[in-house]
Protein backbone atom coordinates (compact mmCIF):
# COMPACT_ATOMS: atom_id res chain seq x y z
CA UNK A 1 -14.71 -30.14 63.45
CA UNK A 2 -11.51 -31.57 65.03
CA UNK A 3 -12.04 -29.55 68.13
CA UNK A 4 -15.59 -30.92 68.56
CA UNK A 5 -14.21 -34.41 68.13
CA UNK A 6 -11.67 -33.76 70.96
CA UNK A 7 -14.53 -32.53 73.18
CA UNK A 8 -16.52 -35.84 72.48
CA UNK A 9 -13.42 -37.92 73.26
CA UNK A 10 -12.87 -36.00 76.47
CA UNK A 11 -16.39 -36.59 77.75
CA UNK A 12 -16.23 -40.34 76.59
CA UNK A 13 -13.09 -40.79 78.68
CA UNK A 14 -15.01 -39.46 81.73
CA UNK A 15 -17.68 -42.12 81.24
CA UNK A 16 -20.25 -40.21 79.21
CA UNK A 17 -21.87 -42.17 76.41
CA UNK A 18 -21.17 -41.25 72.80
CA UNK A 19 -24.71 -40.31 72.17
CA UNK A 20 -24.78 -37.73 75.02
CA UNK A 21 -21.26 -36.50 74.40
CA UNK A 22 -21.94 -35.62 70.67
CA UNK A 23 -25.07 -33.73 71.82
CA UNK A 24 -22.87 -31.71 74.25
CA UNK A 25 -20.37 -30.98 71.41
CA UNK A 26 -23.09 -30.07 68.96
CA UNK A 27 -22.47 -32.67 66.30
CA UNK A 28 -23.85 -35.88 64.91
CA UNK A 29 -22.62 -39.41 65.58
CA UNK A 30 -21.88 -39.99 61.86
CA UNK A 31 -19.62 -36.86 61.80
CA UNK A 32 -17.79 -38.17 64.84
CA UNK A 33 -17.08 -41.60 63.31
CA UNK A 34 -16.35 -40.27 59.82
CA UNK A 35 -12.78 -41.01 58.69
CA UNK A 36 -11.63 -39.52 55.33
CA UNK A 37 -10.36 -42.04 52.78
CA UNK A 38 -7.32 -41.58 50.80
CA UNK A 39 -7.38 -41.59 46.97
CA UNK A 40 -10.12 -40.47 44.52
CA UNK A 41 -13.73 -40.50 45.66
CA UNK A 42 -16.43 -42.52 43.90
CA UNK A 43 -16.25 -45.77 42.00
CA UNK A 44 -13.11 -46.76 40.25
CA UNK A 45 -13.14 -46.05 36.49
CA UNK A 46 -14.26 -49.00 34.44
CA UNK A 47 -11.74 -50.93 32.38
CA UNK A 48 -14.07 -52.18 29.65
CA UNK A 49 -16.94 -50.97 27.48
CA UNK A 50 -20.07 -52.88 26.74
CA UNK A 51 -21.31 -53.50 23.12
CA UNK A 52 -24.85 -53.87 21.84
CA UNK A 53 -24.30 -57.57 21.14
CA UNK A 54 -23.53 -58.20 24.86
CA UNK A 55 -19.78 -58.48 24.64
CA UNK A 56 -17.21 -56.15 26.06
CA UNK A 57 -14.03 -54.62 24.77
CA UNK A 58 -11.17 -53.13 26.75
CA UNK A 59 -10.71 -49.36 27.04
CA UNK A 60 -7.39 -49.80 25.12
CA UNK A 61 -9.36 -51.11 22.09
CA UNK A 62 -11.87 -48.17 22.38
CA UNK A 63 -8.87 -45.76 22.34
CA UNK A 64 -7.51 -47.38 19.26
CA UNK A 65 -10.79 -47.10 17.47
CA UNK A 66 -11.05 -43.43 18.40
CA UNK A 67 -7.57 -42.85 17.03
CA UNK A 68 -8.51 -44.45 13.81
CA UNK A 69 -11.63 -42.28 13.63
CA UNK A 70 -9.72 -39.06 14.22
CA UNK A 71 -7.05 -40.15 11.73
CA UNK A 72 -9.55 -40.04 8.86
CA UNK A 73 -9.55 -37.21 6.30
CA UNK A 74 -11.75 -34.24 7.33
CA UNK A 75 -12.68 -35.61 10.73
CA UNK A 76 -12.21 -32.91 13.32
CA UNK A 77 -14.44 -34.32 16.16
CA UNK A 78 -14.44 -33.38 19.70
CA UNK A 79 -15.31 -35.75 22.47
CA UNK A 80 -19.09 -35.18 22.18
CA UNK A 81 -19.16 -36.10 18.48
CA UNK A 82 -16.89 -39.10 19.04
CA UNK A 83 -19.41 -40.32 21.77
CA UNK A 84 -22.29 -40.10 19.29
CA UNK A 85 -20.22 -41.83 16.62
CA UNK A 86 -19.39 -44.62 19.07
CA UNK A 87 -23.00 -44.99 20.20
CA UNK A 88 -24.18 -45.11 16.57
CA UNK A 89 -21.76 -47.99 16.00
CA UNK A 90 -22.92 -50.14 18.97
CA UNK A 91 -20.92 -48.93 21.95
CA UNK A 92 -22.53 -48.27 25.22
CA UNK A 93 -20.28 -45.43 26.43
CA UNK A 94 -21.01 -42.05 28.07
CA UNK A 95 -19.56 -38.77 27.00
CA UNK A 96 -17.77 -38.51 30.38
CA UNK A 97 -15.98 -41.74 29.72
CA UNK A 98 -15.00 -40.73 26.19
CA UNK A 99 -13.67 -37.40 27.51
CA UNK A 100 -11.63 -39.22 30.10
CA UNK A 101 -10.16 -41.68 27.61
CA UNK A 102 -9.42 -38.95 25.10
CA UNK A 103 -7.77 -36.68 27.68
CA UNK A 104 -5.61 -39.45 29.07
CA UNK A 105 -4.37 -40.18 25.53
CA UNK A 106 -3.98 -36.53 24.30
CA UNK A 107 -6.77 -37.02 21.76
CA UNK A 108 -8.83 -33.98 22.69
CA UNK A 109 -9.02 -31.17 20.15
CA UNK A 110 -6.91 -28.14 20.94
CA UNK A 111 -9.06 -25.46 22.42
CA UNK A 112 -9.67 -22.69 19.89
CA UNK A 113 -8.32 -19.51 21.23
CA UNK A 114 -10.76 -16.70 20.77
CA UNK A 115 -9.50 -14.00 18.49
CA UNK A 116 -8.60 -10.70 20.31
CA UNK A 117 -11.51 -8.61 20.96
CA UNK A 118 -12.09 -5.94 18.37
CA UNK A 119 -11.24 -2.44 19.54
CA UNK A 120 -14.01 -0.15 18.82
CA UNK A 121 -13.56 3.61 18.35
CA UNK A 122 -13.11 5.52 21.56
CA UNK A 123 -13.97 8.94 20.19
CA UNK A 124 -17.06 9.81 18.17
CA UNK A 125 -15.20 12.38 16.13
CA UNK A 126 -11.80 12.07 14.59
CA UNK A 127 -9.61 15.10 15.30
CA UNK A 128 -6.03 14.19 14.23
CA UNK A 129 -3.09 16.53 14.80
CA UNK A 130 -0.90 15.43 12.02
CA UNK A 131 -0.90 13.51 8.73
CA UNK A 132 -1.15 9.72 8.83
CA UNK A 133 -2.32 9.83 12.47
CA UNK A 134 -5.77 8.49 11.69
CA UNK A 135 -6.77 6.78 8.49
CA UNK A 136 -10.21 5.52 7.34
CA UNK A 137 -10.90 2.60 5.21
CA UNK A 138 -14.17 1.69 3.46
CA UNK A 139 -15.71 0.09 0.40
CA UNK A 140 -18.00 1.79 -2.10
CA UNK A 141 -20.24 0.01 -4.66
CA UNK A 142 -20.41 1.51 -8.12
CA UNK A 143 -22.78 0.43 -10.78
CA UNK A 144 -21.46 -0.53 -14.28
CA UNK A 145 -24.12 0.29 -16.86
CA UNK A 146 -22.55 -1.80 -19.59
CA UNK A 147 -22.62 -5.00 -17.61
CA UNK A 148 -25.55 -4.36 -15.29
CA UNK A 149 -23.51 -5.17 -12.19
CA UNK A 150 -21.73 -3.52 -9.31
CA UNK A 151 -18.11 -3.33 -8.57
CA UNK A 152 -16.35 -2.62 -5.37
CA UNK A 153 -13.97 0.33 -4.73
CA UNK A 154 -11.81 0.09 -1.63
CA UNK A 155 -10.33 3.41 -0.42
CA UNK A 156 -7.91 4.49 2.28
CA UNK A 157 -8.16 8.09 3.36
CA UNK A 158 -5.98 10.29 5.51
CA UNK A 159 -8.36 12.19 7.82
CA UNK A 160 -5.91 15.02 8.41
CA UNK A 161 -5.12 15.94 4.79
CA UNK A 162 -8.21 14.32 3.20
CA UNK A 163 -5.87 12.64 0.74
CA UNK A 164 -6.78 9.31 -0.80
CA UNK A 165 -3.51 7.32 -0.09
CA UNK A 166 -4.56 4.00 -1.81
CA UNK A 167 -7.46 2.61 -3.64
CA UNK A 168 -8.41 -0.57 -5.51
CA UNK A 169 -11.37 -1.24 -7.96
CA UNK A 170 -12.40 -4.86 -8.45
CA UNK A 171 -15.59 -7.06 -8.92
CA UNK A 172 -15.04 -8.23 -5.37
CA UNK A 173 -12.83 -7.34 -2.48
CA UNK A 174 -11.64 -10.09 -0.24
CA UNK A 175 -9.32 -10.07 2.76
CA UNK A 176 -6.18 -10.69 0.54
CA UNK A 177 -7.10 -7.67 -1.40
CA UNK A 178 -7.36 -5.56 1.71
CA UNK A 179 -4.00 -6.74 2.89
CA UNK A 180 -2.44 -6.05 -0.54
CA UNK A 181 -3.73 -2.45 -0.30
CA UNK A 182 -2.41 -2.05 3.13
CA UNK A 183 1.03 -3.25 1.96
CA UNK A 184 0.80 -0.61 -0.85
CA UNK A 185 -0.10 2.10 1.68
CA UNK A 186 2.86 1.06 3.91
CA UNK A 187 5.39 1.10 0.96
CA UNK A 188 4.23 4.18 -0.74
CA UNK A 189 3.38 6.44 2.20
CA UNK A 190 4.21 5.20 5.75
CA UNK A 191 7.72 3.93 5.10
CA UNK A 192 8.82 6.96 3.09
CA UNK A 193 7.64 9.32 5.84
CA UNK A 194 9.52 7.31 8.43
CA UNK A 195 6.68 7.44 10.92
CA UNK A 196 8.26 4.99 13.43
CA UNK A 197 11.25 7.27 13.99
CA UNK A 198 8.90 10.27 14.33
CA UNK A 199 7.08 8.26 16.99
CA UNK A 200 3.76 8.72 15.14
CA UNK A 201 1.18 6.03 15.99
CA UNK A 202 -1.00 5.20 12.93
CA UNK A 203 -4.57 4.25 13.52
CA UNK A 204 -6.85 2.92 10.81
CA UNK A 205 -10.66 2.94 11.16
CA UNK A 206 -13.12 0.69 9.27
CA UNK A 207 -16.49 -0.77 9.65
CA UNK A 208 -17.11 -4.41 10.65
CA UNK A 209 -17.09 -5.89 7.18
CA UNK A 210 -15.86 -9.43 6.82
CA UNK A 211 -12.86 -8.26 4.83
CA UNK A 212 -11.69 -5.98 7.62
CA UNK A 213 -12.19 -8.21 10.68
CA UNK A 214 -10.40 -11.18 8.92
CA UNK A 215 -7.38 -12.48 10.87
CA UNK A 216 -5.10 -12.02 7.85
CA UNK A 217 -5.84 -8.23 7.86
CA UNK A 218 -5.68 -7.82 11.57
CA UNK A 219 -2.43 -9.65 11.86
CA UNK A 220 -0.91 -7.57 8.99
CA UNK A 221 -1.80 -4.34 10.72
CA UNK A 222 -0.47 -5.64 14.13
CA UNK A 223 2.78 -6.70 12.54
CA UNK A 224 3.25 -3.32 11.09
CA UNK A 225 2.40 -1.52 14.39
CA UNK A 226 -0.80 -0.06 13.08
CA UNK A 227 -3.74 0.18 15.42
CA UNK A 228 -7.08 -1.03 14.00
CA UNK A 229 -10.37 0.46 15.16
CA UNK A 230 -13.86 -0.63 14.31
CA UNK A 231 -16.81 1.62 14.15
CA UNK A 232 -19.75 0.49 16.20
CA UNK A 233 -22.60 -1.19 14.31
CA UNK A 234 -24.99 1.18 12.48
CA UNK A 235 -22.76 4.19 13.09
CA UNK A 236 -21.36 5.25 9.69
CA UNK A 237 -20.78 8.71 11.07
CA UNK A 238 -17.88 7.39 13.03
CA UNK A 239 -16.20 6.86 9.64
CA UNK A 240 -17.50 10.28 8.54
CA UNK A 241 -14.44 11.42 6.52
CA UNK A 242 -14.49 8.63 4.00
CA UNK A 243 -18.32 8.64 3.83
CA UNK A 244 -18.06 12.30 2.91
CA UNK A 245 -15.48 11.34 0.24
CA UNK A 246 -17.85 8.72 -1.19
CA UNK A 247 -20.49 11.36 -1.44
CA UNK A 248 -18.00 13.44 -3.57
CA UNK A 249 -17.43 10.36 -5.73
CA UNK A 250 -21.16 9.97 -6.19
CA UNK A 251 -21.65 13.58 -7.19
CA UNK A 252 -18.53 14.05 -9.24
CA UNK A 253 -18.23 10.70 -11.02
CA UNK A 254 -21.34 8.41 -10.62
CA UNK A 255 -23.99 10.97 -11.48
CA UNK A 256 -21.98 12.38 -14.42
CA UNK A 257 -20.74 9.23 -16.19
CA UNK A 258 -22.20 5.98 -17.49
CA UNK A 259 -19.63 3.20 -17.41
CA UNK A 260 -19.35 0.69 -20.24
CA UNK A 261 -16.99 -1.71 -18.44
CA UNK A 262 -14.82 -1.94 -15.29
CA UNK A 263 -11.87 -0.81 -17.39
CA UNK A 264 -13.71 2.37 -18.36
CA UNK A 265 -14.57 3.00 -14.67
CA UNK A 266 -10.96 2.43 -13.57
CA UNK A 267 -9.73 4.86 -16.13
CA UNK A 268 -12.14 7.52 -14.99
CA UNK A 269 -11.43 6.86 -11.25
CA UNK A 270 -7.67 7.15 -11.93
CA UNK A 271 -8.12 10.57 -13.49
CA UNK A 272 -10.58 11.51 -10.74
CA UNK A 273 -8.27 10.57 -7.87
CA UNK A 274 -5.34 12.35 -9.45
CA UNK A 275 -7.44 15.51 -9.69
CA UNK A 276 -8.94 15.14 -6.32
CA UNK A 277 -5.57 14.79 -4.56
CA UNK A 278 -3.66 17.47 -6.50
CA UNK A 279 -6.21 20.11 -7.42
CA UNK A 280 -9.64 19.81 -5.80
CA UNK A 281 -9.96 22.32 -2.99
CA UNK A 282 -11.55 21.24 0.16
CA UNK A 283 -13.29 23.53 2.57
CA UNK A 284 -12.15 21.57 5.72
CA UNK A 285 -8.43 22.08 4.93
CA UNK A 286 -8.27 25.83 4.34
CA UNK A 287 -9.67 25.49 0.81
CA UNK A 288 -6.54 23.84 -0.42
CA UNK A 289 -6.19 20.53 -2.19
CA UNK A 290 -5.06 17.52 -0.08
CA UNK A 291 -1.49 17.37 -1.40
CA UNK A 292 -1.16 21.24 -1.31
CA UNK A 293 -2.33 21.18 2.32
CA UNK A 294 0.11 18.45 3.25
CA UNK A 295 2.93 20.48 1.69
CA UNK A 296 1.81 23.63 3.64
CA UNK A 297 1.79 21.59 6.82
CA UNK A 298 5.24 20.38 6.20
CA UNK A 299 6.40 23.92 5.53
CA UNK A 300 4.92 24.97 8.98
CA UNK A 301 2.44 27.27 7.13
CA UNK A 302 -0.60 25.61 8.85
CA UNK A 303 -1.46 25.78 12.54
CA UNK A 304 -3.89 23.51 14.34
CA UNK A 305 -6.40 25.56 16.52
CA UNK A 306 -6.43 24.02 19.99
CA UNK A 307 -9.78 22.79 21.33
CA UNK A 308 -11.54 23.67 18.13
CA UNK A 309 -13.86 20.89 17.11
CA UNK A 310 -15.46 22.53 14.15
CA UNK A 311 -13.79 20.93 11.16
CA UNK A 312 -13.76 24.03 9.01
CA UNK A 313 -12.17 26.09 11.90
CA UNK A 314 -9.54 23.54 13.02
CA UNK A 315 -6.81 24.78 10.80
CA UNK A 316 -5.44 28.22 10.23
CA UNK A 317 -3.04 29.37 7.38
CA UNK A 318 -0.20 31.39 8.69
CA UNK A 319 0.11 33.21 5.46
CA UNK A 320 -2.27 34.66 2.79
CA UNK A 321 -3.81 31.72 0.71
CA UNK A 322 -2.55 33.37 -2.50
CA UNK A 323 1.05 33.33 -1.17
CA UNK A 324 0.70 29.71 0.05
CA UNK A 325 -0.51 28.67 -3.43
CA UNK A 326 2.25 30.62 -5.19
CA UNK A 327 4.92 29.13 -2.88
CA UNK A 328 3.56 25.63 -3.44
CA UNK A 329 3.72 25.87 -7.29
CA UNK A 330 7.04 27.65 -7.18
CA UNK A 331 8.52 24.87 -5.05
CA UNK A 332 6.97 21.96 -6.96
CA UNK A 333 6.98 23.17 -10.55
CA UNK A 334 9.14 26.21 -11.28
CA UNK A 335 11.86 25.37 -8.85
CA UNK A 336 12.17 21.83 -9.89
CA UNK A 337 12.25 22.69 -13.53
CA UNK A 338 15.02 25.25 -13.03
CA UNK A 339 17.03 22.78 -10.89
CA UNK A 340 16.90 20.31 -13.81
CA UNK A 341 18.29 22.92 -16.26
CA UNK A 342 20.66 24.61 -13.95
CA UNK A 343 24.25 23.78 -13.32
CA UNK A 344 25.24 21.43 -10.44
CA UNK A 345 24.96 23.00 -7.00
CA UNK A 346 23.21 26.11 -8.34
CA UNK A 347 20.41 27.30 -6.18
CA UNK A 348 17.56 29.01 -8.18
CA UNK A 349 16.55 32.42 -6.98
CA UNK A 350 12.93 33.36 -6.59
CA UNK A 351 11.95 36.58 -8.34
CA UNK A 352 9.18 38.23 -10.33
CA UNK A 353 6.35 36.45 -8.46
CA UNK A 354 4.16 39.43 -8.23
CA UNK A 355 1.02 37.48 -9.49
CA UNK A 356 -0.06 34.01 -10.30
CA UNK A 357 0.57 34.41 -13.97
CA UNK A 358 4.25 35.07 -13.34
CA UNK A 359 4.56 31.33 -12.78
CA UNK A 360 3.84 31.05 -16.43
CA UNK A 361 2.87 27.97 -18.43
CA UNK A 362 0.89 25.56 -16.37
CA UNK A 363 -0.40 28.09 -13.88
CA UNK A 364 -1.46 30.77 -16.42
CA UNK A 365 -5.29 30.93 -16.02
CA UNK A 366 -6.45 29.82 -19.47
CA UNK A 367 -4.02 26.94 -19.54
CA UNK A 368 -4.80 26.04 -15.99
CA UNK A 369 -8.51 25.50 -16.92
CA UNK A 370 -7.45 23.27 -19.80
CA UNK A 371 -5.25 21.31 -17.38
CA UNK A 372 -8.32 20.68 -15.03
CA UNK A 373 -10.50 19.68 -17.92
CA UNK A 374 -7.93 17.28 -19.33
CA UNK A 375 -8.16 15.09 -16.29
CA UNK A 376 -11.52 13.56 -16.90
CA UNK A 377 -12.15 11.22 -19.84
CA UNK A 378 -14.97 11.84 -22.20
CA UNK A 379 -18.45 10.81 -21.32
CA UNK A 380 -19.75 7.76 -22.89
CA UNK A 381 -23.22 9.01 -23.87
CA UNK A 382 -21.96 9.34 -27.50
CA UNK A 383 -22.25 5.88 -29.01
CA UNK A 384 -19.44 6.60 -31.43
CA UNK A 385 -16.90 6.90 -28.62
CA UNK A 386 -15.28 3.52 -28.04
CA UNK A 387 -12.20 4.43 -26.02
CA UNK A 388 -12.37 1.75 -23.29
CA UNK A 389 -13.41 -1.51 -24.95
């Protein structure tokens, strides 16, 4: 544009009229005569505001009224609501002007920062390579026959060992309850296993329930260096391990017992979880119980088969199952008992372990069956039984 103006000036100095010179330069007369003005464009902002009664008040008075309004209890208005309020109270004022006045006096509401985007699961199937690597969390509803209402049971499951690490049974599960259970998980499992020093990144999956997406829960997990993943809507199969566990609860507990009260249910669940973690064999973990499988893994008796996606073929025992079971009970029952009765520093010697019965006592077959049966409380179909009231 400046070059064209120079061309017009050159032809004008040679005697050519402005009208012809701008035609030669290819511009309009108004463009040639235009001179930019300094300062802001448009009209100067008004200093007063009109009222319905025909009078005017200064902008300073309007600002004071806005301050008084925003200072009232429970008033959290933005500039648009302030504009409507002023209009309703007899002020002729636009939302642009209210925005300007509030911005100049730092009265605008602080912009609400959107919460971090939820991280959805990246992989359809969970294939962890060690304990505590991927956990799943979900809520199951269980019907109480005695009260005619449902209660909520929150579970956290390790997808590698299939062990239930923490659970909570209540009439309702809120975000504070989820945080409380996560704290319990950290204290009882994650900290004792010193996962940070082992450089194990813990991930916990859940659906998009309001308890799980709450800021309190997400901050708690972030502060403890736990990654939170959410299953995509309508895809319970992405939380398949804990859904499978809930099916076990339905078959083993719900369909077999009638619950008189929430206390009755808690007693049965406590017994069931103890049985499930310690003794219930699971086809996906070499037909061992979750705790026994974790012990075998720690003793390097389990190998993860590379590139094997079939759950029942992912793990391979490096010894005969009967030997793994014997070693487990020897290490956790016989050996610990001998250590308690032996002298200081004495190392018990393993011998006479030619069959399962050589472990004696607890592991002898008839007694072992009694041990299993003793886990579950009596059914409540008999009206004379009144154990849980």
